[in-house]
């Protein structure tokens, strides 16, 4: 570490954690790339290996910033600094000015993808330059503790479930429509788990919010824009389906428990719901009388013991549920056959081979 008479200055708050001082400072977005820059060749290999970027994620995050310039939100970055820090408090308070020597080395412990996305977004919208992001900064001479800090931060991180992400989403029109449907159709309102993306053995629910959302995506097969006509179609589909599936209504009538339904029948599985969504989209787009055909689903044998229809499609020979592209397509094809909907030429070939 070299001595320096030149410093960066940032408004900051000082805190203490595990006996160590740390700082939360406000940094303009246009300084992120300059401040949190390091030459990877100067770092030990173990640090570099831990920080390999998944470049496919960067455009997605950058698009989020650019598409929501007035209401995007980012959590703090976390970094270690190997350099001299001087904190100048305001009236002996815990907030003041943090001065960081300009010859300091920084190592980003958490937020590599956010940093890269911010840099990409600034190239397209320079007006973001003076907006700020908070950085939680730890002093770490020779960056000796950074490896363990990286491990600690990621060890205890818990990803939110797909259902929770949909529940809290307020921009995606499909998510908004899905929540409206779940909240207003009695069957879905009573038996949809809005938090978990898989159901426990004894869960009293039949569906997950993510299953309903994915099925809606299959119904419309389109991007962000959802028209009023689309909404009417999706509402009509779920109202019809909830009236049609006898096993669901047996749960509602207390003649069957939700766990018994899931254990003995395939009709609540995500792969089956999405396959029905695929089928209904096909019927709708090809101008079939889709409500009349979908109403015939009540006559299908959804039992898991019906190996002729569901083994090799919904589940494998060991009884494990499969949700690959292949299984989804094969299940959709089987539904077409059961409902006597003519197969397309490529579907005949796929069905014959049993794979894609």
Protein backbone atom coordinates (compact mmCIF):
# COMPACT_ATOMS: atom_id res chain seq x y z
CA UNK A 1 0.00 0.00 0.00
CA UNK A 2 1.41 3.37 -1.00
CA UNK A 3 0.91 6.64 0.80
CA UNK A 4 -1.12 9.32 -0.96
CA UNK A 5 -1.91 12.98 -0.47
CA UNK A 6 -4.91 12.82 -2.80
CA UNK A 7 -8.33 11.56 -1.75
CA UNK A 8 -11.79 10.80 -3.04
CA UNK A 9 -14.46 12.33 -0.80
CA UNK A 10 -17.96 10.92 -0.32
CA UNK A 11 -20.87 11.55 2.04
CA UNK A 12 -21.01 8.51 4.32
CA UNK A 13 -22.31 6.90 7.49
CA UNK A 14 -20.00 5.00 9.84
CA UNK A 15 -21.08 1.76 11.47
CA UNK A 16 -19.63 -1.16 13.38
CA UNK A 17 -20.08 -4.84 12.63
CA UNK A 18 -18.27 -7.79 14.27
CA UNK A 19 -15.97 -5.29 15.97
CA UNK A 20 -14.94 -3.69 12.66
CA UNK A 21 -15.74 -0.24 11.36
CA UNK A 22 -17.45 -0.03 8.00
CA UNK A 23 -18.94 2.78 5.97
CA UNK A 24 -22.00 3.28 3.80
CA UNK A 25 -21.19 5.87 1.19
CA UNK A 26 -23.13 7.44 -1.66
CA UNK A 27 -21.40 7.14 -5.03
CA UNK A 28 -22.51 8.73 -8.35
CA UNK A 29 -23.13 6.08 -10.98
CA UNK A 30 -20.60 7.57 -13.36
CA UNK A 31 -17.82 7.00 -10.79
CA UNK A 32 -18.62 3.34 -10.23
CA UNK A 33 -16.43 2.09 -13.08
CA UNK A 34 -13.57 4.39 -12.07
CA UNK A 35 -13.71 3.75 -8.35
CA UNK A 36 -14.40 0.03 -8.38
CA UNK A 37 -11.85 -0.71 -11.07
CA UNK A 38 -9.02 -3.11 -10.59
CA UNK A 39 -6.55 -4.87 -12.83
CA UNK A 40 -7.51 -8.54 -12.58
CA UNK A 41 -3.91 -9.54 -13.24
CA UNK A 42 -3.00 -8.01 -9.88
CA UNK A 43 -5.40 -10.29 -8.04
CA UNK A 44 -4.75 -13.84 -6.82
CA UNK A 45 -6.48 -16.47 -9.00
CA UNK A 46 -8.94 -17.42 -6.25
CA UNK A 47 -10.33 -13.87 -6.26
CA UNK A 48 -10.61 -13.76 -10.04
CA UNK A 49 -12.32 -17.14 -10.25
CA UNK A 50 -14.97 -16.10 -7.76
CA UNK A 51 -15.85 -13.04 -9.78
CA UNK A 52 -16.44 -14.41 -13.25
CA UNK A 53 -19.37 -12.53 -14.75
CA UNK A 54 -22.34 -14.22 -16.33
CA UNK A 55 -22.43 -11.82 -19.26
CA UNK A 56 -25.88 -12.98 -20.33
CA UNK A 57 -27.35 -11.32 -17.24
CA UNK A 58 -25.89 -7.87 -17.91
CA UNK A 59 -28.20 -6.76 -20.78
CA UNK A 60 -31.24 -7.90 -18.80
CA UNK A 61 -30.28 -5.80 -15.78
CA UNK A 62 -29.27 -2.84 -17.97
CA UNK A 63 -32.63 -3.02 -19.76
CA UNK A 64 -34.33 -2.93 -16.35
CA UNK A 65 -32.58 0.36 -15.54
CA UNK A 66 -33.21 1.91 -18.94
CA UNK A 67 -36.82 0.77 -19.08
CA UNK A 68 -37.63 2.16 -15.63
CA UNK A 69 -35.60 5.38 -15.33
CA UNK A 70 -37.95 6.92 -12.76
CA UNK A 71 -38.52 3.92 -10.50
CA UNK A 72 -35.71 1.36 -10.77
CA UNK A 73 -34.17 0.28 -7.47
CA UNK A 74 -30.84 -1.36 -6.59
CA UNK A 75 -29.54 -2.71 -3.31
CA UNK A 76 -26.10 -1.66 -2.08
CA UNK A 77 -22.84 -2.85 -3.55
CA UNK A 78 -20.34 -4.31 -1.08
CA UNK A 79 -16.62 -3.68 -1.50
CA UNK A 80 -13.31 -3.96 0.31
CA UNK A 81 -10.66 -1.28 0.07
CA UNK A 82 -6.94 -1.63 0.58
CA UNK A 83 -5.99 1.96 1.32
CA UNK A 84 -6.05 4.84 3.76
CA UNK A 85 -9.48 6.01 4.97
CA UNK A 86 -10.22 9.22 6.87
CA UNK A 87 -13.71 9.77 8.27
CA UNK A 88 -14.62 13.35 9.13
CA UNK A 89 -17.83 13.30 11.20
CA UNK A 90 -20.35 16.09 11.23
CA UNK A 91 -20.76 17.44 14.81
CA UNK A 92 -19.51 14.14 16.31
CA UNK A 93 -22.31 12.26 14.56
CA UNK A 94 -22.08 8.91 12.76
CA UNK A 95 -22.45 10.63 9.40
CA UNK A 96 -19.99 12.88 7.66
CA UNK A 97 -17.40 12.72 4.89
CA UNK A 98 -15.31 9.66 4.03
CA UNK A 99 -11.98 10.37 2.34
CA UNK A 100 -10.34 7.47 0.47
CA UNK A 101 -6.76 7.68 -0.76
CA UNK A 102 -6.64 7.64 -4.55
CA UNK A 103 -4.01 4.90 -4.67
CA UNK A 104 -6.37 2.45 -2.94
CA UNK A 105 -7.29 -0.87 -4.50
CA UNK A 106 -10.97 -1.84 -4.42
CA UNK A 107 -12.43 -5.31 -4.62
CA UNK A 108 -16.15 -5.77 -5.22
CA UNK A 109 -17.46 -8.47 -2.88
CA UNK A 110 -21.09 -8.33 -3.94
CA UNK A 111 -22.75 -6.62 -6.92
CA UNK A 112 -20.52 -7.42 -9.91
CA UNK A 113 -23.49 -7.79 -12.26
CA UNK A 114 -25.16 -4.61 -11.01
CA UNK A 115 -21.93 -2.68 -11.56
CA UNK A 116 -21.50 -4.03 -15.11
CA UNK A 117 -25.15 -3.31 -15.95
CA UNK A 118 -24.84 0.27 -14.65
CA UNK A 119 -21.84 0.80 -16.92
CA UNK A 120 -23.80 -0.50 -19.92
CA UNK A 121 -26.85 1.62 -19.07
CA UNK A 122 -24.71 4.78 -18.82
CA UNK A 123 -23.47 4.26 -22.38
CA UNK A 124 -27.05 4.50 -23.61
CA UNK A 125 -28.43 7.03 -21.13
CA UNK A 126 -25.71 9.40 -19.84
CA UNK A 127 -28.38 11.29 -17.85
CA UNK A 128 -28.07 8.56 -15.22
CA UNK A 129 -24.51 9.71 -14.44
CA UNK A 130 -25.32 11.83 -11.38
CA UNK A 131 -27.70 9.38 -9.77
CA UNK A 132 -26.21 7.49 -6.86
CA UNK A 133 -25.92 4.00 -5.42
CA UNK A 134 -24.88 3.10 -1.89
CA UNK A 135 -21.68 1.13 -1.32
CA UNK A 136 -21.00 -0.75 1.90
CA UNK A 137 -17.26 -0.38 2.29
CA UNK A 138 -14.90 -2.39 4.51
CA UNK A 139 -11.24 -1.54 5.04
CA UNK A 140 -9.12 -4.60 4.30
CA UNK A 141 -5.36 -4.14 4.07
CA UNK A 142 -3.83 -6.37 1.39
CA UNK A 143 -7.39 -7.61 0.73
CA UNK A 144 -6.71 -10.54 3.06
CA UNK A 145 -10.29 -10.94 4.29
CA UNK A 146 -12.08 -10.44 0.98
CA UNK A 147 -12.17 -14.09 -0.02
CA UNK A 148 -13.94 -15.08 3.20
CA UNK A 149 -16.24 -12.06 2.93
CA UNK A 150 -17.27 -13.15 -0.56
CA UNK A 151 -17.99 -16.66 0.72
CA UNK A 152 -19.95 -15.36 3.73
CA UNK A 153 -22.09 -13.02 1.64
CA UNK A 154 -23.05 -15.74 -0.81
CA UNK A 155 -23.31 -18.63 1.64
CA UNK A 156 -26.31 -17.16 3.42
CA UNK A 157 -27.99 -15.55 0.43
CA UNK A 158 -31.42 -17.06 -0.23
CA UNK A 159 -32.98 -16.66 -3.65
CA UNK A 160 -36.64 -15.73 -3.66
CA UNK A 161 -39.02 -18.23 -5.20
CA UNK A 162 -40.43 -17.73 -8.67
CA UNK A 163 -43.90 -17.30 -7.13
CA UNK A 164 -42.70 -14.56 -4.76
CA UNK A 165 -41.10 -12.74 -7.70
CA UNK A 166 -44.42 -12.79 -9.57
CA UNK A 167 -46.37 -11.78 -6.46
CA UNK A 168 -44.24 -8.66 -5.99
CA UNK A 169 -43.98 -7.80 -9.70
CA UNK A 170 -45.87 -4.64 -10.61
CA UNK A 171 -44.55 -3.93 -14.12
CA UNK A 172 -45.03 -7.18 -16.05
CA UNK A 173 -48.57 -7.14 -17.52
CA UNK A 174 -48.67 -10.95 -17.47
CA UNK A 175 -47.86 -11.02 -13.76
CA UNK A 176 -50.51 -8.38 -13.06
CA UNK A 177 -53.12 -10.32 -15.05
CA UNK A 178 -52.16 -13.57 -13.31
CA UNK A 179 -52.62 -12.05 -9.86
CA UNK A 180 -55.97 -10.56 -10.83
CA UNK A 181 -57.19 -13.93 -12.04
CA UNK A 182 -55.94 -15.78 -8.96
CA UNK A 183 -57.52 -13.24 -6.63
CA UNK A 184 -60.91 -13.22 -8.35
CA UNK A 185 -61.60 -16.79 -9.47
CA UNK A 186 -62.74 -18.68 -6.38
CA UNK A 187 -61.04 -21.99 -7.15
CA UNK A 188 -57.70 -20.32 -7.79
CA UNK A 189 -58.04 -17.95 -4.86
CA UNK A 190 -58.69 -20.81 -2.44
CA UNK A 191 -56.07 -23.24 -3.70
CA UNK A 192 -53.12 -21.25 -5.07
CA UNK A 193 -49.90 -20.94 -3.06
CA UNK A 194 -48.61 -17.44 -3.78
CA UNK A 195 -45.24 -17.84 -2.08
CA UNK A 196 -43.79 -21.23 -3.00
CA UNK A 197 -42.94 -22.60 -6.42
CA UNK A 198 -43.36 -26.21 -5.28
CA UNK A 199 -45.84 -27.67 -2.83
CA UNK A 200 -44.98 -29.70 0.23
CA UNK A 201 -46.41 -33.19 0.66
CA UNK A 202 -49.26 -32.10 2.91
CA UNK A 203 -49.90 -28.63 1.47
CA UNK A 204 -53.61 -27.74 1.32
CA UNK A 205 -53.04 -26.02 -2.03
CA UNK A 206 -53.42 -27.36 -5.57
CA UNK A 207 -51.56 -24.76 -7.63
CA UNK A 208 -48.61 -22.39 -7.32
CA UNK A 209 -48.68 -18.81 -8.58
CA UNK A 210 -45.73 -19.60 -10.85
CA UNK A 211 -47.66 -22.49 -12.45
CA UNK A 212 -50.59 -20.19 -13.24
CA UNK A 213 -48.25 -17.53 -14.63
CA UNK A 214 -46.38 -20.04 -16.82
CA UNK A 215 -49.66 -21.40 -18.14
CA UNK A 216 -50.77 -17.87 -19.06
CA UNK A 217 -47.52 -17.40 -20.95
CA UNK A 218 -48.30 -20.58 -22.89
CA UNK A 219 -51.82 -19.32 -23.61
CA UNK A 220 -50.65 -16.05 -25.15
CA UNK A 221 -47.10 -16.84 -26.32
CA UNK A 222 -46.18 -13.19 -26.58
CA UNK A 223 -44.07 -10.54 -24.92
CA UNK A 224 -44.90 -7.75 -22.52
CA UNK A 225 -47.94 -6.31 -24.29
CA UNK A 226 -51.27 -7.82 -23.21
CA UNK A 227 -54.36 -6.49 -24.98
CA UNK A 228 -57.91 -6.40 -23.63
CA UNK A 229 -58.76 -9.21 -26.05
CA UNK A 230 -55.91 -11.26 -24.59
CA UNK A 231 -57.19 -10.62 -21.07
CA UNK A 232 -60.72 -11.72 -21.99
CA UNK A 233 -59.33 -14.92 -23.50
CA UNK A 234 -57.26 -15.78 -20.42
CA UNK A 235 -60.13 -15.03 -18.03
CA UNK A 236 -62.48 -17.21 -20.09
CA UNK A 237 -59.94 -20.03 -20.13
CA UNK A 238 -59.50 -20.18 -16.35
CA UNK A 239 -63.21 -19.84 -15.61
CA UNK A 240 -63.92 -22.72 -17.99
CA UNK A 241 -61.05 -24.89 -16.74
CA UNK A 242 -62.01 -24.44 -13.08
CA UNK A 243 -65.55 -25.53 -13.90
CA UNK A 244 -64.37 -28.42 -16.09
CA UNK A 245 -61.81 -30.33 -14.02
CA UNK A 246 -63.81 -32.66 -11.81
CA UNK A 247 -60.90 -33.55 -9.52
CA UNK A 248 -60.37 -29.90 -8.56
CA UNK A 249 -64.02 -29.52 -7.71
CA UNK A 250 -63.93 -32.68 -5.60
CA UNK A 251 -61.28 -30.95 -3.46
CA UNK A 252 -63.48 -27.86 -3.21
CA UNK A 253 -66.40 -30.08 -2.15
CA UNK A 254 -64.19 -31.76 0.51
CA UNK A 255 -64.52 -35.14 -1.19
CA UNK A 256 -60.79 -35.24 -1.87
CA UNK A 257 -57.86 -33.55 -0.15
CA UNK A 258 -55.35 -31.45 -2.07
CA UNK A 259 -52.53 -33.81 -1.08
CA UNK A 260 -54.53 -36.81 -2.32
CA UNK A 261 -55.16 -35.01 -5.59
CA UNK A 262 -51.47 -34.29 -6.11
CA UNK A 263 -50.47 -37.81 -5.09
CA UNK A 264 -52.96 -39.68 -7.26
CA UNK A 265 -53.63 -37.42 -10.25
CA UNK A 266 -51.52 -35.42 -12.71
CA UNK A 267 -54.03 -32.64 -13.41
CA UNK A 268 -52.49 -30.13 -10.99
CA UNK A 269 -48.90 -30.59 -12.19
CA UNK A 270 -47.22 -27.62 -13.85
CA UNK A 271 -46.31 -29.61 -16.96
CA UNK A 272 -49.96 -30.60 -17.48
CA UNK A 273 -51.28 -27.08 -16.92
CA UNK A 274 -48.74 -25.66 -19.37
CA UNK A 275 -49.57 -28.37 -21.90
CA UNK A 276 -53.25 -27.43 -21.65
CA UNK A 277 -52.14 -23.82 -22.15
CA UNK A 278 -50.20 -24.85 -25.26
CA UNK A 279 -53.18 -26.76 -26.60
CA UNK A 280 -55.64 -23.94 -25.94
CA UNK A 281 -53.36 -21.41 -27.63
CA UNK A 282 -53.23 -23.67 -30.68
CA UNK A 283 -57.01 -24.06 -30.79
CA UNK A 284 -57.57 -20.33 -30.30
CA UNK A 285 -55.04 -19.30 -32.96
CA UNK A 286 -56.40 -21.86 -35.46
CA UNK A 287 -59.98 -20.65 -34.95
CA UNK A 288 -61.25 -23.89 -33.40
CA UNK A 289 -64.23 -23.81 -31.04
CA UNK A 290 -61.78 -23.99 -28.17
CA UNK A 291 -64.29 -23.79 -25.25
CA UNK A 292 -66.18 -26.84 -26.53
CA UNK A 293 -62.97 -28.84 -26.97
CA UNK A 294 -61.44 -27.80 -23.62
CA UNK A 295 -64.68 -28.70 -21.85
CA UNK A 296 -64.00 -32.31 -22.91
CA UNK A 297 -61.02 -32.42 -20.54
CA UNK A 298 -63.49 -33.56 -17.85
CA UNK A 299 -63.62 -36.97 -19.54
CA UNK A 300 -59.85 -37.57 -19.51
CA UNK A 301 -58.39 -40.08 -17.05
CA UNK A 302 -55.90 -37.98 -15.07
CA UNK A 303 -54.91 -40.80 -12.71
CA UNK A 304 -51.20 -41.43 -12.20
CA UNK A 305 -52.01 -45.09 -12.68
CA UNK A 306 -52.94 -44.30 -16.28
CA UNK A 307 -49.44 -45.16 -17.50
CA UNK A 308 -50.52 -45.40 -21.12
CA UNK A 309 -51.20 -41.68 -21.30
CA UNK A 310 -48.78 -40.13 -18.81
CA UNK A 311 -45.69 -42.31 -18.42
CA UNK A 312 -42.91 -41.08 -20.67
CA UNK A 313 -44.68 -37.76 -20.95
CA UNK A 314 -45.58 -36.29 -17.54
CA UNK A 315 -43.34 -38.65 -15.53
CA UNK A 316 -40.66 -41.22 -16.25
CA UNK A 317 -40.70 -44.96 -15.52
CA UNK A 318 -39.51 -44.24 -11.97
CA UNK A 319 -42.43 -41.90 -11.34
CA UNK A 320 -40.36 -38.70 -11.36
CA UNK A 321 -42.08 -35.66 -12.85
CA UNK A 322 -40.36 -34.41 -16.00
CA UNK A 323 -40.74 -30.88 -17.33
CA UNK A 324 -38.32 -30.74 -20.22
CA UNK A 325 -39.19 -29.23 -23.58
CA UNK A 326 -39.55 -32.78 -24.87
CA UNK A 327 -41.97 -33.86 -22.14
CA UNK A 328 -44.00 -30.69 -22.51
CA UNK A 329 -44.40 -31.23 -26.23
CA UNK A 330 -45.21 -34.93 -25.86
CA UNK A 331 -47.84 -34.17 -23.21
CA UNK A 332 -49.42 -31.52 -25.45
CA UNK A 333 -49.51 -34.00 -28.33
CA UNK A 334 -51.16 -36.63 -26.13
CA UNK A 335 -53.85 -34.17 -25.09
CA UNK A 336 -54.52 -33.43 -28.75
CA UNK A 337 -54.91 -37.14 -29.42
CA UNK A 338 -57.25 -37.66 -26.48
CA UNK A 339 -59.40 -34.74 -27.60
CA UNK A 340 -59.24 -35.85 -31.25
CA UNK A 341 -57.53 -32.69 -32.44
CA UNK A 342 -55.55 -33.41 -35.64
CA UNK A 343 -51.77 -33.36 -35.20
CA UNK A 344 -49.46 -31.22 -37.29
CA UNK A 345 -46.99 -33.09 -39.53
CA UNK A 346 -44.03 -32.38 -37.24
CA UNK A 347 -46.04 -33.51 -34.22
CA UNK A 348 -46.78 -36.85 -35.88
CA UNK A 349 -43.06 -37.36 -36.39
CA UNK A 350 -42.20 -36.29 -32.83
CA UNK A 351 -44.89 -38.51 -31.40
CA UNK A 352 -43.61 -41.48 -33.41
CA UNK A 353 -40.00 -40.99 -32.26
CA UNK A 354 -40.96 -40.02 -28.70
CA UNK A 355 -38.44 -37.19 -28.69
CA UNK A 356 -37.47 -33.92 -30.32
